[in-house]
Protein backbone atom coordinates (compact mmCIF):
# COMPACT_ATOMS: atom_id res chain seq x y z
CA MET A 1 101.08 117.35 114.08
CA HIS A 2 103.85 117.54 111.49
CA ARG A 3 107.12 118.93 112.82
CA LYS A 4 109.51 120.59 110.46
CA SER A 5 113.10 119.43 110.43
CA PHE A 6 116.35 121.32 110.76
CA LEU A 7 117.83 119.14 107.99
CA PRO A 8 117.30 121.67 105.13
CA ALA A 9 118.95 124.39 107.25
CA ILE A 10 121.92 122.17 108.06
CA VAL A 11 122.35 121.16 104.41
CA TRP A 12 122.21 124.84 103.39
CA LEU A 13 124.73 125.73 106.13
CA VAL A 14 127.19 123.14 104.80
CA THR A 15 126.61 124.33 101.22
CA ILE A 16 127.21 128.02 101.92
CA THR A 17 130.18 127.21 104.13
CA PHE A 18 131.74 125.41 101.17
CA LEU A 19 130.90 128.31 98.82
CA LEU A 20 132.20 130.96 101.20
CA LEU A 21 135.48 129.11 101.70
CA LEU A 22 136.24 128.98 97.97
CA PRO A 23 139.28 131.05 97.03
CA GLY A 24 138.48 134.29 95.25
CA THR A 25 140.34 133.10 92.18
CA GLU A 26 137.74 130.34 91.68
CA ILE A 27 134.93 132.88 91.28
CA PRO A 28 134.52 134.42 87.81
CA GLN A 29 135.49 138.10 87.57
CA GLU A 30 133.14 140.24 85.50
CA LYS A 31 132.97 144.04 85.43
CA TRP A 32 129.24 144.16 85.98
CA PHE A 33 129.61 142.05 89.18
CA HIS A 34 131.29 145.05 90.80
CA LYS A 35 128.82 147.58 89.43
CA ILE A 36 125.83 145.91 91.09
CA TRP A 37 127.77 144.67 94.17
CA LEU A 38 126.90 141.06 93.34
CA ASP A 39 128.98 139.69 96.21
CA LYS A 40 127.01 141.74 98.75
CA TRP A 41 123.66 140.62 97.33
CA ALA A 42 124.82 136.99 97.28
CA HIS A 43 125.83 137.17 100.96
CA LEU A 44 122.51 138.78 101.83
CA ALA A 45 120.61 136.00 100.04
CA PHE A 46 122.77 133.24 101.57
CA PHE A 47 122.28 134.39 105.14
CA PHE A 48 118.62 135.39 104.73
CA LEU A 49 117.81 131.89 103.52
CA LEU A 50 119.90 130.37 106.33
CA VAL A 51 117.99 132.31 109.00
CA TYR A 52 114.67 131.50 107.34
CA LEU A 53 115.42 127.77 107.19
CA PHE A 54 116.44 127.69 110.86
CA GLU A 55 113.39 129.75 111.81
CA LEU A 56 110.82 127.43 110.19
CA PRO A 57 111.18 124.48 112.62
CA LEU A 58 111.22 126.84 115.60
CA LEU A 59 108.01 128.56 114.54
CA SER A 60 106.28 125.26 113.83
CA LYS A 61 106.65 124.35 117.52
CA ARG A 62 104.36 127.27 118.41
CA PRO A 63 101.37 127.05 116.02
CA GLY A 64 99.84 130.41 116.98
CA VAL A 65 103.09 132.22 116.30
CA ALA A 66 103.88 130.40 113.05
CA THR A 67 101.22 132.34 111.16
CA LYS A 68 102.92 135.68 111.88
CA TRP A 69 106.02 136.99 110.20
CA PHE A 70 108.97 137.80 112.43
CA PRO A 71 111.81 139.38 110.48
CA ALA A 72 115.28 138.55 111.77
CA ILE A 73 116.82 141.87 112.67
C-alpha cells in the first residue's frame, strides 16, 4: 500500500510562511487588487491548499474514508 507523505504540505507551509512574512511594500499595489479583495482570496487559497495537503496523508491511512470528501470547517 502506498502511503502519502507530508512533505508537500511541509514545503507549502514553508513557502506560504515566507510569502506571508514579506513586507507589504514588496507586494505590487494595483487598484483592481482592492476592488476584488485579492488579498482575501489569496489567503483563502493558501490555507485551503495547506489543509488539503495535510489532509491527504491522514486520509490515506484509512482507505474507506479516503474516498469521501470531508471539508475542513
